[in-house]
PDB file of all heavy atoms in Angstrom:
ATOM      1  N   ASN A   1      11.788  15.078 -85.454  1.00  0.00           N
ATOM      2  CA  ASN A   1      12.842  14.439 -84.670  1.00  0.00           C
ATOM      3  C   ASN A   1      12.305  13.871 -83.356  1.00  0.00           C
ATOM      4  O   ASN A   1      12.709  12.791 -82.919  1.00  0.00           O
ATOM      5  CB  ASN A   1      13.957  15.441 -84.362  1.00  0.00           C
ATOM      6  CG  ASN A   1      14.733  15.847 -85.596  1.00  0.00           C
ATOM      7  OD1 ASN A   1      14.946  15.059 -86.500  1.00  0.00           O
ATOM      8  ND2 ASN A   1      15.168  17.104 -85.627  1.00  0.00           N
ATOM      9  N   VAL A   2      11.413  14.626 -82.738  1.00  0.00           N
ATOM     10  CA  VAL A   2      10.782  14.215 -81.482  1.00  0.00           C
ATOM     11  C   VAL A   2       9.304  14.579 -81.545  1.00  0.00           C
ATOM     12  O   VAL A   2       8.891  15.394 -82.372  1.00  0.00           O
ATOM     13  CB  VAL A   2      11.437  14.915 -80.270  1.00  0.00           C
ATOM     14  CG1 VAL A   2      12.846  14.399 -80.030  1.00  0.00           C
ATOM     15  CG2 VAL A   2      11.443  16.430 -80.444  1.00  0.00           C
ATOM     16  N   PRO A   3       8.475  14.000 -80.667  1.00  0.00           N
ATOM     17  CA  PRO A   3       7.078  14.424 -80.599  1.00  0.00           C
ATOM     18  C   PRO A   3       6.967  15.920 -80.361  1.00  0.00           C
ATOM     19  O   PRO A   3       7.854  16.549 -79.779  1.00  0.00           O
ATOM     20  CB  PRO A   3       6.527  13.612 -79.423  1.00  0.00           C
ATOM     21  CG  PRO A   3       7.395  12.393 -79.378  1.00  0.00           C
ATOM     22  CD  PRO A   3       8.766  12.869 -79.768  1.00  0.00           C
ATOM     23  N   VAL A   4       5.854  16.484 -80.782  1.00  0.00           N
ATOM     24  CA  VAL A   4       5.733  17.935 -80.839  1.00  0.00           C
ATOM     25  C   VAL A   4       5.838  18.588 -79.457  1.00  0.00           C
ATOM     26  O   VAL A   4       6.416  19.677 -79.321  1.00  0.00           O
ATOM     27  CB  VAL A   4       4.422  18.317 -81.560  1.00  0.00           C
ATOM     28  CG1 VAL A   4       3.196  17.939 -80.754  1.00  0.00           C
ATOM     29  CG2 VAL A   4       4.403  19.779 -81.925  1.00  0.00           C
ATOM     30  N   GLU A   5       5.340  17.933 -78.417  1.00  0.00           N
ATOM     31  CA  GLU A   5       5.438  18.519 -77.074  1.00  0.00           C
ATOM     32  C   GLU A   5       6.899  18.585 -76.618  1.00  0.00           C
ATOM     33  O   GLU A   5       7.315  19.564 -75.991  1.00  0.00           O
ATOM     34  CB  GLU A   5       4.609  17.711 -76.075  1.00  0.00           C
ATOM     35  CG  GLU A   5       3.112  17.764 -76.305  1.00  0.00           C
ATOM     36  CD  GLU A   5       2.645  16.781 -77.364  1.00  0.00           C
ATOM     37  OE1 GLU A   5       3.497  15.981 -77.851  1.00  0.00           O
ATOM     38  OE2 GLU A   5       1.451  16.812 -77.712  1.00  0.00           O
ATOM     39  N   THR A   6       7.665  17.548 -76.918  1.00  0.00           N
ATOM     40  CA  THR A   6       9.090  17.549 -76.571  1.00  0.00           C
ATOM     41  C   THR A   6       9.833  18.612 -77.361  1.00  0.00           C
ATOM     42  O   THR A   6      10.697  19.323 -76.822  1.00  0.00           O
ATOM     43  CB  THR A   6       9.704  16.162 -76.839  1.00  0.00           C
ATOM     44  OG1 THR A   6       8.989  15.179 -76.106  1.00  0.00           O
ATOM     45  CG2 THR A   6      11.173  16.127 -76.445  1.00  0.00           C
ATOM     46  N   GLY A   7       9.496  18.750 -78.644  1.00  0.00           N
ATOM     47  CA  GLY A   7      10.124  19.776 -79.467  1.00  0.00           C
ATOM     48  C   GLY A   7       9.857  21.174 -78.951  1.00  0.00           C
ATOM     49  O   GLY A   7      10.748  22.034 -78.936  1.00  0.00           O
ATOM     50  N   ALA A   8       8.615  21.419 -78.497  1.00  0.00           N
ATOM     51  CA  ALA A   8       8.279  22.735 -77.950  1.00  0.00           C
ATOM     52  C   ALA A   8       9.074  23.009 -76.680  1.00  0.00           C
ATOM     53  O   ALA A   8       9.577  24.128 -76.471  1.00  0.00           O
ATOM     54  CB  ALA A   8       6.780  22.814 -77.667  1.00  0.00           C
ATOM     55  N   LYS A   9       9.214  22.005 -75.829  1.00  0.00           N
ATOM     56  CA  LYS A   9      10.015  22.163 -74.611  1.00  0.00           C
ATOM     57  C   LYS A   9      11.461  22.498 -74.955  1.00  0.00           C
ATOM     58  O   LYS A   9      12.083  23.362 -74.322  1.00  0.00           O
ATOM     59  CB  LYS A   9       9.952  20.878 -73.782  1.00  0.00           C
ATOM     60  CG  LYS A   9      10.787  20.928 -72.510  1.00  0.00           C
ATOM     61  CD  LYS A   9      10.733  19.605 -71.748  1.00  0.00           C
ATOM     62  CE  LYS A   9      11.626  19.652 -70.514  1.00  0.00           C
ATOM     63  NZ  LYS A   9      11.620  18.353 -69.783  1.00  0.00           N
ATOM     64  N   ASN A  10      11.995  21.839 -75.989  1.00  0.00           N
ATOM     65  CA  ASN A  10      13.385  22.096 -76.380  1.00  0.00           C
ATOM     66  C   ASN A  10      13.557  23.489 -76.957  1.00  0.00           C
ATOM     67  O   ASN A  10      14.586  24.135 -76.749  1.00  0.00           O
ATOM     68  CB  ASN A  10      13.849  21.026 -77.364  1.00  0.00           C
ATOM     69  CG  ASN A  10      13.974  19.662 -76.715  1.00  0.00           C
ATOM     70  OD1 ASN A  10      14.054  19.549 -75.499  1.00  0.00           O
ATOM     71  ND2 ASN A  10      13.981  18.627 -77.531  1.00  0.00           N
ATOM     72  N   ALA A  11      12.547  23.965 -77.700  1.00  0.00           N
ATOM     73  CA  ALA A  11      12.607  25.339 -78.210  1.00  0.00           C
ATOM     74  C   ALA A  11      12.638  26.326 -77.049  1.00  0.00           C
ATOM     75  O   ALA A  11      13.407  27.294 -77.058  1.00  0.00           O
ATOM     76  CB  ALA A  11      11.409  25.613 -79.117  1.00  0.00           C
ATOM     77  N   LEU A  12      11.813  26.080 -76.032  1.00  0.00           N
ATOM     78  CA  LEU A  12      11.815  26.946 -74.848  1.00  0.00           C
ATOM     79  C   LEU A  12      13.161  26.886 -74.125  1.00  0.00           C
ATOM     80  O   LEU A  12      13.639  27.895 -73.587  1.00  0.00           O
ATOM     81  CB  LEU A  12      10.697  26.530 -73.901  1.00  0.00           C
ATOM     82  CG  LEU A  12       9.262  26.739 -74.396  1.00  0.00           C
ATOM     83  CD1 LEU A  12       8.267  26.132 -73.415  1.00  0.00           C
ATOM     84  CD2 LEU A  12       8.967  28.214 -74.616  1.00  0.00           C
ATOM     85  N   GLN A  13      13.780  25.693 -74.126  1.00  0.00           N
ATOM     86  CA  GLN A  13      15.088  25.544 -73.489  1.00  0.00           C
ATOM     87  C   GLN A  13      16.130  26.435 -74.158  1.00  0.00           C
ATOM     88  O   GLN A  13      16.906  27.124 -73.480  1.00  0.00           O
ATOM     89  CB  GLN A  13      15.536  24.086 -73.568  1.00  0.00           C
ATOM     90  CG  GLN A  13      16.857  23.778 -72.879  1.00  0.00           C
ATOM     91  CD  GLN A  13      16.735  23.812 -71.372  1.00  0.00           C
ATOM     92  OE1 GLN A  13      16.165  22.922 -70.757  1.00  0.00           O
ATOM     93  NE2 GLN A  13      17.273  24.850 -70.760  1.00  0.00           N
ATOM     94  N   VAL A  14      16.142  26.456 -75.476  1.00  0.00           N
ATOM     95  CA  VAL A  14      17.105  27.292 -76.203  1.00  0.00           C
ATOM     96  C   VAL A  14      16.810  28.768 -75.978  1.00  0.00           C
ATOM     97  O   VAL A  14      17.731  29.579 -75.791  1.00  0.00           O
ATOM     98  CB  VAL A  14      17.102  26.945 -77.701  1.00  0.00           C
ATOM     99  CG1 VAL A  14      18.043  27.874 -78.464  1.00  0.00           C
ATOM    100  CG2 VAL A  14      17.513  25.497 -77.924  1.00  0.00           C
ATOM    101  N   LEU A  15      15.538  29.149 -75.987  1.00  0.00           N
ATOM    102  CA  LEU A  15      15.186  30.543 -75.720  1.00  0.00           C
ATOM    103  C   LEU A  15      15.670  30.961 -74.333  1.00  0.00           C
ATOM    104  O   LEU A  15      16.123  32.096 -74.132  1.00  0.00           O
ATOM    105  CB  LEU A  15      13.674  30.743 -75.843  1.00  0.00           C
ATOM    106  CG  LEU A  15      13.083  30.623 -77.246  1.00  0.00           C
ATOM    107  CD1 LEU A  15      11.571  30.784 -77.201  1.00  0.00           C
ATOM    108  CD2 LEU A  15      13.695  31.646 -78.202  1.00  0.00           C
ATOM    109  N   GLN A  16      15.571  30.047 -73.367  1.00  0.00           N
ATOM    110  CA  GLN A  16      16.079  30.326 -72.021  1.00  0.00           C
ATOM    111  C   GLN A  16      17.583  30.553 -72.053  1.00  0.00           C
ATOM    112  O   GLN A  16      18.090  31.517 -71.468  1.00  0.00           O
ATOM    113  CB  GLN A  16      15.743  29.156 -71.097  1.00  0.00           C
ATOM    114  CG  GLN A  16      16.313  29.263 -69.694  1.00  0.00           C
ATOM    115  CD  GLN A  16      16.103  27.982 -68.901  1.00  0.00           C
ATOM    116  OE1 GLN A  16      15.020  27.422 -68.863  1.00  0.00           O
ATOM    117  NE2 GLN A  16      17.176  27.497 -68.271  1.00  0.00           N
ATOM    118  N   TRP A  17      18.318  29.674 -72.751  1.00  0.00           N
ATOM    119  CA  TRP A  17      19.769  29.822 -72.844  1.00  0.00           C
ATOM    120  C   TRP A  17      20.162  31.162 -73.442  1.00  0.00           C
ATOM    121  O   TRP A  17      21.132  31.788 -73.024  1.00  0.00           O
ATOM    122  CB  TRP A  17      20.372  28.715 -73.697  1.00  0.00           C
ATOM    123  CG  TRP A  17      20.322  27.358 -73.084  1.00  0.00           C
ATOM    124  CD1 TRP A  17      20.110  27.048 -71.771  1.00  0.00           C
ATOM    125  CD2 TRP A  17      20.496  26.118 -73.775  1.00  0.00           C
ATOM    126  NE1 TRP A  17      20.129  25.674 -71.604  1.00  0.00           N
ATOM    127  CE2 TRP A  17      20.378  25.081 -72.801  1.00  0.00           C
ATOM    128  CE3 TRP A  17      20.738  25.776 -75.099  1.00  0.00           C
ATOM    129  CZ2 TRP A  17      20.490  23.741 -73.147  1.00  0.00           C
ATOM    130  CZ3 TRP A  17      20.861  24.437 -75.443  1.00  0.00           C
ATOM    131  CH2 TRP A  17      20.732  23.427 -74.463  1.00  0.00           C
ATOM    132  N   MET A  18      19.390  31.584 -74.454  1.00  0.00           N
ATOM    133  CA  MET A  18      19.758  32.770 -75.224  1.00  0.00           C
ATOM    134  C   MET A  18      19.108  34.044 -74.684  1.00  0.00           C
ATOM    135  O   MET A  18      19.208  35.101 -75.310  1.00  0.00           O
ATOM    136  CB  MET A  18      19.372  32.572 -76.698  1.00  0.00           C
ATOM    137  CG  MET A  18      19.950  31.322 -77.345  1.00  0.00           C
ATOM    138  SD  MET A  18      21.753  31.273 -77.342  1.00  0.00           S
ATOM    139  CE  MET A  18      22.135  32.539 -78.557  1.00  0.00           C
ATOM    140  N   ASN A  19      18.423  33.939 -73.547  1.00  0.00           N
ATOM    141  CA  ASN A  19      17.742  35.090 -72.943  1.00  0.00           C
ATOM    142  C   ASN A  19      16.758  35.754 -73.905  1.00  0.00           C
ATOM    143  O   ASN A  19      16.695  36.977 -74.009  1.00  0.00           O
ATOM    144  CB  ASN A  19      18.772  36.113 -72.433  1.00  0.00           C
ATOM    145  CG  ASN A  19      19.639  35.582 -71.324  1.00  0.00           C
ATOM    146  OD1 ASN A  19      19.147  34.984 -70.377  1.00  0.00           O
ATOM    147  ND2 ASN A  19      20.946  35.776 -71.463  1.00  0.00           N
ATOM    148  N   ARG A  20      15.974  34.923 -74.607  1.00  0.00           N
ATOM    149  CA  ARG A  20      15.005  35.445 -75.562  1.00  0.00           C
ATOM    150  C   ARG A  20      13.615  34.825 -75.332  1.00  0.00           C
ATOM    151  O   ARG A  20      12.945  34.423 -76.270  1.00  0.00           O
ATOM    152  CB  ARG A  20      15.472  35.165 -76.998  1.00  0.00           C
ATOM    153  CG  ARG A  20      16.660  35.987 -77.447  1.00  0.00           C
ATOM    154  CD  ARG A  20      16.418  37.502 -77.344  1.00  0.00           C
ATOM    155  NE  ARG A  20      15.164  37.925 -77.928  1.00  0.00           N
ATOM    156  CZ  ARG A  20      15.023  38.238 -79.218  1.00  0.00           C
ATOM    157  NH1 ARG A  20      16.059  38.171 -80.032  1.00  0.00           N
ATOM    158  NH2 ARG A  20      13.851  38.621 -79.669  1.00  0.00           N
ATOM    159  N   THR A  21      13.219  34.776 -74.076  1.00  0.00           N
ATOM    160  CA  THR A  21      11.910  34.191 -73.769  1.00  0.00           C
ATOM    161  C   THR A  21      10.749  35.102 -74.153  1.00  0.00           C
ATOM    162  O   THR A  21       9.585  34.779 -73.890  1.00  0.00           O
ATOM    163  CB  THR A  21      11.824  33.844 -72.271  1.00  0.00           C
ATOM    164  OG1 THR A  21      12.134  35.001 -71.492  1.00  0.00           O
ATOM    165  CG2 THR A  21      12.798  32.718 -71.922  1.00  0.00           C
ATOM    166  N   ASP A  22      11.057  36.231 -74.793  1.00  0.00           N
ATOM    167  CA  ASP A  22      10.007  37.094 -75.334  1.00  0.00           C
ATOM    168  C   ASP A  22       9.406  36.532 -76.609  1.00  0.00           C
ATOM    169  O   ASP A  22       8.324  36.965 -77.042  1.00  0.00           O
ATOM    170  CB  ASP A  22      10.574  38.489 -75.624  1.00  0.00           C
ATOM    171  CG  ASP A  22      11.773  38.430 -76.574  1.00  0.00           C
ATOM    172  OD1 ASP A  22      12.783  37.788 -76.196  1.00  0.00           O
ATOM    173  OD2 ASP A  22      11.708  39.006 -77.676  1.00  0.00           O
ATOM    174  N   ILE A  23      10.076  35.579 -77.229  1.00  0.00           N
ATOM    175  CA  ILE A  23       9.619  35.023 -78.517  1.00  0.00           C
ATOM    176  C   ILE A  23       8.622  33.901 -78.251  1.00  0.00           C
ATOM    177  O   ILE A  23       8.916  32.960 -77.499  1.00  0.00           O
ATOM    178  CB  ILE A  23      10.806  34.499 -79.338  1.00  0.00           C
ATOM    179  CG1 ILE A  23      11.753  35.652 -79.677  1.00  0.00           C
ATOM    180  CG2 ILE A  23      10.331  33.811 -80.610  1.00  0.00           C
ATOM    181  CD1 ILE A  23      13.049  35.223 -80.323  1.00  0.00           C
ATOM    182  N   PRO A  24       7.431  33.946 -78.859  1.00  0.00           N
ATOM    183  CA  PRO A  24       6.427  32.914 -78.603  1.00  0.00           C
ATOM    184  C   PRO A  24       6.741  31.601 -79.317  1.00  0.00           C
ATOM    185  O   PRO A  24       7.318  31.599 -80.404  1.00  0.00           O
ATOM    186  CB  PRO A  24       5.140  33.534 -79.148  1.00  0.00           C
ATOM    187  CG  PRO A  24       5.605  34.451 -80.240  1.00  0.00           C
ATOM    188  CD  PRO A  24       6.926  35.008 -79.754  1.00  0.00           C
ATOM    189  N   VAL A  25       6.350  30.500 -78.677  1.00  0.00           N
ATOM    190  CA  VAL A  25       6.500  29.156 -79.241  1.00  0.00           C
ATOM    191  C   VAL A  25       5.111  28.545 -79.380  1.00  0.00           C
ATOM    192  O   VAL A  25       4.334  28.546 -78.409  1.00  0.00           O
ATOM    193  CB  VAL A  25       7.380  28.269 -78.339  1.00  0.00           C
ATOM    194  CG1 VAL A  25       7.433  26.837 -78.875  1.00  0.00           C
ATOM    195  CG2 VAL A  25       8.793  28.851 -78.224  1.00  0.00           C
ATOM    196  N   TYR A  26       4.807  28.034 -80.569  1.00  0.00           N
ATOM    197  CA  TYR A  26       3.496  27.464 -80.850  1.00  0.00           C
ATOM    198  C   TYR A  26       3.614  25.976 -81.172  1.00  0.00           C
ATOM    199  O   TYR A  26       4.442  25.579 -81.994  1.00  0.00           O
ATOM    200  CB  TYR A  26       2.830  28.180 -82.021  1.00  0.00           C
ATOM    201  CG  TYR A  26       2.413  29.601 -81.713  1.00  0.00           C
ATOM    202  CD1 TYR A  26       3.325  30.649 -81.796  1.00  0.00           C
ATOM    203  CD2 TYR A  26       1.111  29.891 -81.337  1.00  0.00           C
ATOM    204  CE1 TYR A  26       2.949  31.950 -81.510  1.00  0.00           C
ATOM    205  CE2 TYR A  26       0.717  31.198 -81.050  1.00  0.00           C
ATOM    206  CZ  TYR A  26       1.642  32.218 -81.137  1.00  0.00           C
ATOM    207  OH  TYR A  26       1.271  33.499 -80.851  1.00  0.00           O
ATOM    208  N   ILE A  27       2.768  25.174 -80.548  1.00  0.00           N
ATOM    209  CA  ILE A  27       2.714  23.744 -80.835  1.00  0.00           C
ATOM    210  C   ILE A  27       1.876  23.514 -82.090  1.00  0.00           C
ATOM    211  O   ILE A  27       0.760  24.031 -82.215  1.00  0.00           O
ATOM    212  CB  ILE A  27       2.129  22.962 -79.648  1.00  0.00           C
ATOM    213  CG1 ILE A  27       3.100  23.010 -78.459  1.00  0.00           C
ATOM    214  CG2 ILE A  27       1.822  21.532 -80.029  1.00  0.00           C
ATOM    215  CD1 ILE A  27       2.582  22.332 -77.212  1.00  0.00           C
ATOM    216  N   GLY A  28       2.430  22.726 -83.014  1.00  0.00           N
ATOM    217  CA  GLY A  28       1.750  22.454 -84.269  1.00  0.00           C
ATOM    218  C   GLY A  28       1.293  21.012 -84.391  1.00  0.00           C
ATOM    219  O   GLY A  28       0.900  20.372 -83.416  1.00  0.00           O
ATOM    220  N   GLU A  29       1.400  20.494 -85.611  1.00  0.00           N
ATOM    221  CA  GLU A  29       0.845  19.182 -85.941  1.00  0.00           C
ATOM    222  C   GLU A  29       1.592  18.061 -85.227  1.00  0.00           C
ATOM    223  O   GLU A  29       2.821  18.026 -85.212  1.00  0.00           O
ATOM    224  CB  GLU A  29       0.884  18.971 -87.446  1.00  0.00           C
ATOM    225  CG  GLU A  29       0.034  19.963 -88.226  1.00  0.00           C
ATOM    226  CD  GLU A  29      -1.434  19.871 -87.856  1.00  0.00           C
ATOM    227  OE1 GLU A  29      -2.021  18.779 -88.045  1.00  0.00           O
ATOM    228  OE2 GLU A  29      -1.993  20.877 -87.372  1.00  0.00           O
ATOM    229  N   ALA A  30       0.827  17.117 -84.675  1.00  0.00           N
ATOM    230  CA  ALA A  30       1.391  16.017 -83.892  1.00  0.00           C
ATOM    231  C   ALA A  30       1.585  14.750 -84.705  1.00  0.00           C
ATOM    232  O   ALA A  30       2.157  13.775 -84.200  1.00  0.00           O
ATOM    233  CB  ALA A  30       0.494  15.717 -82.689  1.00  0.00           C
ATOM    234  N   LYS A  31       1.131  14.738 -85.951  1.00  0.00           N
ATOM    235  CA  LYS A  31       1.331  13.574 -86.807  1.00  0.00           C
ATOM    236  C   LYS A  31       1.363  14.018 -88.268  1.00  0.00           C
ATOM    237  O   LYS A  31       0.826  15.075 -88.614  1.00  0.00           O
ATOM    238  CB  LYS A  31       0.232  12.541 -86.585  1.00  0.00           C
ATOM    239  CG  LYS A  31      -1.164  13.041 -86.888  1.00  0.00           C
ATOM    240  CD  LYS A  31      -2.207  11.967 -86.601  1.00  0.00           C
ATOM    241  CE  LYS A  31      -3.616  12.463 -86.928  1.00  0.00           C
ATOM    242  NZ  LYS A  31      -4.632  11.418 -86.658  1.00  0.00           N
ATOM    243  N   PRO A  32       2.000  13.250 -89.128  1.00  0.00           N
ATOM    244  CA  PRO A  32       2.044  13.589 -90.555  1.00  0.00           C
ATOM    245  C   PRO A  32       0.652  13.599 -91.187  1.00  0.00           C
ATOM    246  O   PRO A  32      -0.322  13.118 -90.580  1.00  0.00           O
ATOM    247  CB  PRO A  32       2.921  12.482 -91.148  1.00  0.00           C
ATOM    248  CG  PRO A  32       3.733  11.978 -89.999  1.00  0.00           C
ATOM    249  CD  PRO A  32       2.831  12.086 -88.800  1.00  0.00           C
ATOM    250  N   LEU A  33       0.569  14.108 -92.407  1.00  0.00           N
ATOM    251  CA  LEU A  33      -0.721  14.206 -93.094  1.00  0.00           C
ATOM    252  C   LEU A  33      -1.403  12.850 -93.244  1.00  0.00           C
ATOM    253  O   LEU A  33      -2.604  12.708 -92.995  1.00  0.00           O
ATOM    254  CB  LEU A  33      -0.542  14.837 -94.476  1.00  0.00           C
ATOM    255  CG  LEU A  33      -0.109  16.300 -94.571  1.00  0.00           C
ATOM    256  CD1 LEU A  33      -0.153  16.763 -96.025  1.00  0.00           C
ATOM    257  CD2 LEU A  33      -0.966  17.203 -93.694  1.00  0.00           C
ATOM    258  N   LYS A  34      -0.641  11.824 -93.671  1.00  0.00           N
ATOM    259  CA  LYS A  34      -1.250  10.539 -93.990  1.00  0.00           C
ATOM    260  C   LYS A  34      -0.560   9.348 -93.338  1.00  0.00           C
ATOM    261  O   LYS A  34      -1.215   8.464 -92.819  1.00  0.00           O
ATOM    262  CB  LYS A  34      -1.280  10.329 -95.515  1.00  0.00           C
ATOM    263  CG  LYS A  34      -2.128  11.347 -96.261  1.00  0.00           C
ATOM    264  CD  LYS A  34      -2.102  11.072 -97.772  1.00  0.00           C
ATOM    265  CE  LYS A  34      -2.939  12.092 -98.534  1.00  0.00           C
ATOM    266  NZ  LYS A  34      -2.902  11.838-100.017  1.00  0.00           N
TER     267      LYS A  34
END
């Protein structure tokens, strides 16, 4: 839906809302296979 860095930021945003910043967020692949 968005570039991977933006997606990671949004995941952290939701964890902040839900008071669950104990859960780790990992950045993955930045482009499709081919």
